[in-house]
Amino acid sequence: MIRITALIATGTLFLTACQTGTGVGNTGPTETITLHRTQPADPAPDTCWANQTAPQADRDIWFETPCPDALDMEFIAMLQRALKARGLYDGEIDGSLGTGTRKAIRMYQAAHGLDSDTLALDTARQLGLIAYPRPDNT
């Protein structure tokens, strides 16, 4: 009897975990993407940035991106799988940053505060593709 109860409890936890996340069916995003009014004056080494004009504000917004050398075919394939799992990408998992992949990136990011098809670093973290930095304990 204890084994059956444990199995039911484990199954319930598993199903609950599968239903949480940032998929299309959710009511709203739980995380946002960090946007900046200007490009950082002294960006940290090994960081990359992109900008886009905010349509409502007629001004540029800046956001950190994964550097181009990180965007290899394997990374893009993982990105496509993550977007497909959220119901945003229905194309082939081919490791190519094509129109369908960019459209899916834009849909995900627009729901999180950034209307751009350029992958933001925060998006890559939210999708589980890049680790979050460890907090400083100093």
C-alpha atoms as a PDB file:
ATOM      1  CA  MET A   1       0.000   0.000   0.000  1.00  0.00           C
ATOM      2  CA  ILE A   2       2.867   2.380   0.820  1.00  0.00           C
ATOM      3  CA  ARG A   3       4.445   1.689  -2.597  1.00  0.00           C
ATOM      4  CA  ILE A   4       1.221   2.562  -4.425  1.00  0.00           C
ATOM      5  CA  THR A   5       0.818   5.776  -2.427  1.00  0.00           C
ATOM      6  CA  ALA A   6       4.418   6.721  -3.179  1.00  0.00           C
ATOM      7  CA  LEU A   7       3.879   6.020  -6.889  1.00  0.00           C
ATOM      8  CA  ILE A   8       0.734   8.150  -6.977  1.00  0.00           C
ATOM      9  CA  ALA A   9       2.463  11.006  -5.159  1.00  0.00           C
ATOM     10  CA  THR A  10       5.459  10.834  -7.504  1.00  0.00           C
ATOM     11  CA  GLY A  11       3.216  10.768 -10.558  1.00  0.00           C
ATOM     12  CA  THR A  12       1.228  13.757  -9.300  1.00  0.00           C
ATOM     13  CA  LEU A  13       4.406  15.756  -8.687  1.00  0.00           C
ATOM     14  CA  PHE A  14       5.693  14.828 -12.148  1.00  0.00           C
ATOM     15  CA  LEU A  15       2.484  15.910 -13.866  1.00  0.00           C
ATOM     16  CA  THR A  16       2.392  19.150 -11.897  1.00  0.00           C
ATOM     17  CA  ALA A  17       5.994  19.910 -12.884  1.00  0.00           C
ATOM     18  CA  CYS A  18       5.152  19.260 -16.539  1.00  0.00           C
ATOM     19  CA  GLN A  19       2.288  21.734 -16.414  1.00  0.00           C
ATOM     20  CA  THR A  20       4.323  24.652 -15.084  1.00  0.00           C
ATOM     21  CA  GLY A  21       6.649  26.708 -17.261  1.00  0.00           C
ATOM     22  CA  THR A  22       6.467  29.429 -19.861  1.00  0.00           C
ATOM     23  CA  GLY A  23       4.480  27.726 -22.606  1.00  0.00           C
ATOM     24  CA  VAL A  24       1.861  29.307 -24.833  1.00  0.00           C
ATOM     25  CA  GLY A  25      -1.041  28.215 -22.625  1.00  0.00           C
ATOM     26  CA  ASN A  26       0.151  30.069 -19.525  1.00  0.00           C
ATOM     27  CA  THR A  27      -1.515  33.265 -18.376  1.00  0.00           C
ATOM     28  CA  GLY A  28       1.659  35.351 -18.309  1.00  0.00           C
ATOM     29  CA  PRO A  29       5.438  35.373 -18.120  1.00  0.00           C
ATOM     30  CA  THR A  30       7.161  34.838 -14.829  1.00  0.00           C
ATOM     31  CA  GLU A  31      10.436  36.394 -15.938  1.00  0.00           C
ATOM     32  CA  THR A  32      11.320  39.420 -18.001  1.00  0.00           C
ATOM     33  CA  ILE A  33      14.272  40.345 -20.152  1.00  0.00           C
ATOM     34  CA  THR A  34      16.605  43.058 -18.875  1.00  0.00           C
ATOM     35  CA  LEU A  35      16.548  46.070 -21.194  1.00  0.00           C
ATOM     36  CA  HIS A  36      18.840  49.102 -21.096  1.00  0.00           C
ATOM     37  CA  ARG A  37      18.339  52.639 -22.410  1.00  0.00           C
ATOM     38  CA  THR A  38      21.914  52.838 -23.672  1.00  0.00           C
ATOM     39  CA  GLN A  39      24.714  50.444 -24.432  1.00  0.00           C
ATOM     40  CA  PRO A  40      26.813  49.931 -21.312  1.00  0.00           C
ATOM     41  CA  ALA A  41      29.721  52.380 -21.374  1.00  0.00           C
ATOM     42  CA  ASP A  42      32.177  49.805 -20.070  1.00  0.00           C
ATOM     43  CA  PRO A  43      30.726  46.349 -20.777  1.00  0.00           C
ATOM     44  CA  ALA A  44      32.280  43.370 -19.078  1.00  0.00           C
ATOM     45  CA  PRO A  45      34.815  41.457 -21.167  1.00  0.00           C
ATOM     46  CA  ASP A  46      33.392  38.610 -23.222  1.00  0.00           C
ATOM     47  CA  THR A  47      29.886  40.118 -23.328  1.00  0.00           C
ATOM     48  CA  CYS A  48      27.918  40.899 -26.468  1.00  0.00           C
ATOM     49  CA  TRP A  49      25.071  43.375 -26.931  1.00  0.00           C
ATOM     50  CA  ALA A  50      22.352  44.116 -29.462  1.00  0.00           C
ATOM     51  CA  ASN A  51      19.990  47.016 -29.881  1.00  0.00           C
ATOM     52  CA  GLN A  52      16.613  47.582 -31.399  1.00  0.00           C
ATOM     53  CA  THR A  53      14.432  50.635 -31.776  1.00  0.00           C
ATOM     54  CA  ALA A  54      11.470  50.493 -29.426  1.00  0.00           C
ATOM     55  CA  PRO A  55       8.454  51.294 -31.654  1.00  0.00           C
ATOM     56  CA  GLN A  56       6.425  53.046 -28.957  1.00  0.00           C
ATOM     57  CA  ALA A  57       9.297  55.161 -27.651  1.00  0.00           C
ATOM     58  CA  ASP A  58      11.220  55.952 -30.853  1.00  0.00           C
ATOM     59  CA  ARG A  59      14.448  55.153 -29.064  1.00  0.00           C
ATOM     60  CA  ASP A  60      16.942  52.333 -29.023  1.00  0.00           C
ATOM     61  CA  ILE A  61      16.845  49.662 -26.366  1.00  0.00           C
ATOM     62  CA  TRP A  62      19.874  47.514 -25.590  1.00  0.00           C
ATOM     63  CA  PHE A  63      20.052  43.952 -24.307  1.00  0.00           C
ATOM     64  CA  GLU A  64      22.790  41.426 -23.710  1.00  0.00           C
ATOM     65  CA  THR A  65      23.014  38.528 -26.170  1.00  0.00           C
ATOM     66  CA  PRO A  66      24.949  35.293 -26.377  1.00  0.00           C
ATOM     67  CA  CYS A  67      28.144  36.031 -28.319  1.00  0.00           C
ATOM     68  CA  PRO A  68      28.185  34.807 -31.936  1.00  0.00           C
ATOM     69  CA  ASP A  69      30.759  32.076 -31.254  1.00  0.00           C
ATOM     70  CA  ALA A  70      28.269  30.438 -28.838  1.00  0.00           C
ATOM     71  CA  LEU A  71      25.590  30.210 -31.525  1.00  0.00           C
ATOM     72  CA  ASP A  72      26.841  27.053 -33.200  1.00  0.00           C
ATOM     73  CA  MET A  73      24.590  24.422 -34.806  1.00  0.00           C
ATOM     74  CA  GLU A  74      24.335  22.392 -31.590  1.00  0.00           C
ATOM     75  CA  PHE A  75      23.238  25.450 -29.572  1.00  0.00           C
ATOM     76  CA  ILE A  76      20.669  26.463 -32.211  1.00  0.00           C
ATOM     77  CA  ALA A  77      19.303  22.893 -32.278  1.00  0.00           C
ATOM     78  CA  MET A  78      18.884  23.022 -28.474  1.00  0.00           C
ATOM     79  CA  LEU A  79      17.158  26.415 -28.864  1.00  0.00           C
ATOM     80  CA  GLN A  80      14.802  24.952 -31.476  1.00  0.00           C
ATOM     81  CA  ARG A  81      13.947  22.015 -29.194  1.00  0.00           C
ATOM     82  CA  ALA A  82      13.269  24.372 -26.259  1.00  0.00           C
ATOM     83  CA  LEU A  83      11.001  26.552 -28.404  1.00  0.00           C
ATOM     84  CA  LYS A  84       9.268  23.481 -29.863  1.00  0.00           C
ATOM     85  CA  ALA A  85       8.606  22.147 -26.351  1.00  0.00           C
ATOM     86  CA  ARG A  86       6.797  25.416 -25.619  1.00  0.00           C
ATOM     87  CA  GLY A  87       4.697  25.186 -28.775  1.00  0.00           C
ATOM     88  CA  LEU A  88       6.405  28.132 -30.474  1.00  0.00           C
ATOM     89  CA  TYR A  89       8.446  26.369 -33.159  1.00  0.00           C
ATOM     90  CA  ASP A  90       7.109  23.762 -35.532  1.00  0.00           C
ATOM     91  CA  GLY A  91       9.990  23.487 -37.975  1.00  0.00           C
ATOM     92  CA  GLU A  92      12.720  20.931 -38.382  1.00  0.00           C
ATOM     93  CA  ILE A  93      15.433  20.691 -35.713  1.00  0.00           C
ATOM     94  CA  ASP A  94      18.283  21.516 -38.073  1.00  0.00           C
ATOM     95  CA  GLY A  95      20.569  23.841 -36.096  1.00  0.00           C
ATOM     96  CA  SER A  96      19.884  26.704 -38.499  1.00  0.00           C
ATOM     97  CA  LEU A  97      18.890  30.164 -37.303  1.00  0.00           C
ATOM     98  CA  GLY A  98      16.337  30.588 -40.086  1.00  0.00           C
ATOM     99  CA  THR A  99      13.072  32.477 -40.405  1.00  0.00           C
ATOM    100  CA  GLY A 100      11.006  29.971 -38.405  1.00  0.00           C
ATOM    101  CA  THR A 101      13.469  29.938 -35.524  1.00  0.00           C
ATOM    102  CA  ARG A 102      13.663  33.741 -35.461  1.00  0.00           C
ATOM    103  CA  LYS A 103       9.858  33.986 -35.504  1.00  0.00           C
ATOM    104  CA  ALA A 104       9.666  31.625 -32.514  1.00  0.00           C
ATOM    105  CA  ILE A 105      12.338  33.650 -30.665  1.00  0.00           C
ATOM    106  CA  ARG A 106      10.324  36.836 -31.279  1.00  0.00           C
ATOM    107  CA  MET A 107       7.090  35.229 -30.007  1.00  0.00           C
ATOM    108  CA  TYR A 108       8.775  34.016 -26.822  1.00  0.00           C
ATOM    109  CA  GLN A 109      10.577  37.279 -26.152  1.00  0.00           C
ATOM    110  CA  ALA A 110       7.569  39.503 -26.926  1.00  0.00           C
ATOM    111  CA  ALA A 111       5.702  37.754 -24.106  1.00  0.00           C
ATOM    112  CA  HIS A 112       8.645  38.598 -21.827  1.00  0.00           C
ATOM    113  CA  GLY A 113       9.050  42.281 -22.705  1.00  0.00           C
ATOM    114  CA  LEU A 114      11.298  42.291 -25.799  1.00  0.00           C
ATOM    115  CA  ASP A 115       9.912  42.430 -29.347  1.00  0.00           C
ATOM    116  CA  SER A 116      13.022  41.186 -31.177  1.00  0.00           C
ATOM    117  CA  ASP A 117      14.077  38.123 -33.125  1.00  0.00           C
ATOM    118  CA  THR A 118      17.661  38.489 -31.846  1.00  0.00           C
ATOM    119  CA  LEU A 119      18.158  36.033 -28.994  1.00  0.00           C
ATOM    120  CA  ALA A 120      18.663  37.784 -25.655  1.00  0.00           C
ATOM    121  CA  LEU A 121      20.961  36.254 -23.052  1.00  0.00           C
ATOM    122  CA  ASP A 122      18.091  36.331 -20.531  1.00  0.00           C
ATOM    123  CA  THR A 123      15.953  34.318 -22.963  1.00  0.00           C
ATOM    124  CA  ALA A 124      18.687  31.704 -23.358  1.00  0.00           C
ATOM    125  CA  ARG A 125      18.857  31.451 -19.560  1.00  0.00           C
ATOM    126  CA  GLN A 126      15.065  31.197 -19.182  1.00  0.00           C
ATOM    127  CA  LEU A 127      15.006  28.401 -21.759  1.00  0.00           C
ATOM    128  CA  GLY A 128      17.729  26.526 -19.859  1.00  0.00           C
ATOM    129  CA  LEU A 129      20.370  26.888 -22.571  1.00  0.00           C
ATOM    130  CA  ILE A 130      22.833  29.013 -20.595  1.00  0.00           C
ATOM    131  CA  ALA A 131      23.417  28.865 -16.854  1.00  0.00           C
ATOM    132  CA  TYR A 132      22.486  31.755 -14.613  1.00  0.00           C
ATOM    133  CA  PRO A 133      25.525  33.401 -12.995  1.00  0.00           C
ATOM    134  CA  ARG A 134      26.240  32.489  -9.417  1.00  0.00           C
ATOM    135  CA  PRO A 135      25.536  35.287  -6.970  1.00  0.00           C
ATOM    136  CA  ASP A 136      28.562  36.889  -5.372  1.00  0.00           C
ATOM    137  CA  ASN A 137      28.849  36.024  -1.716  1.00  0.00           C
ATOM    138  CA  THR A 138      31.213  38.846  -0.902  1.00  0.00           C
END
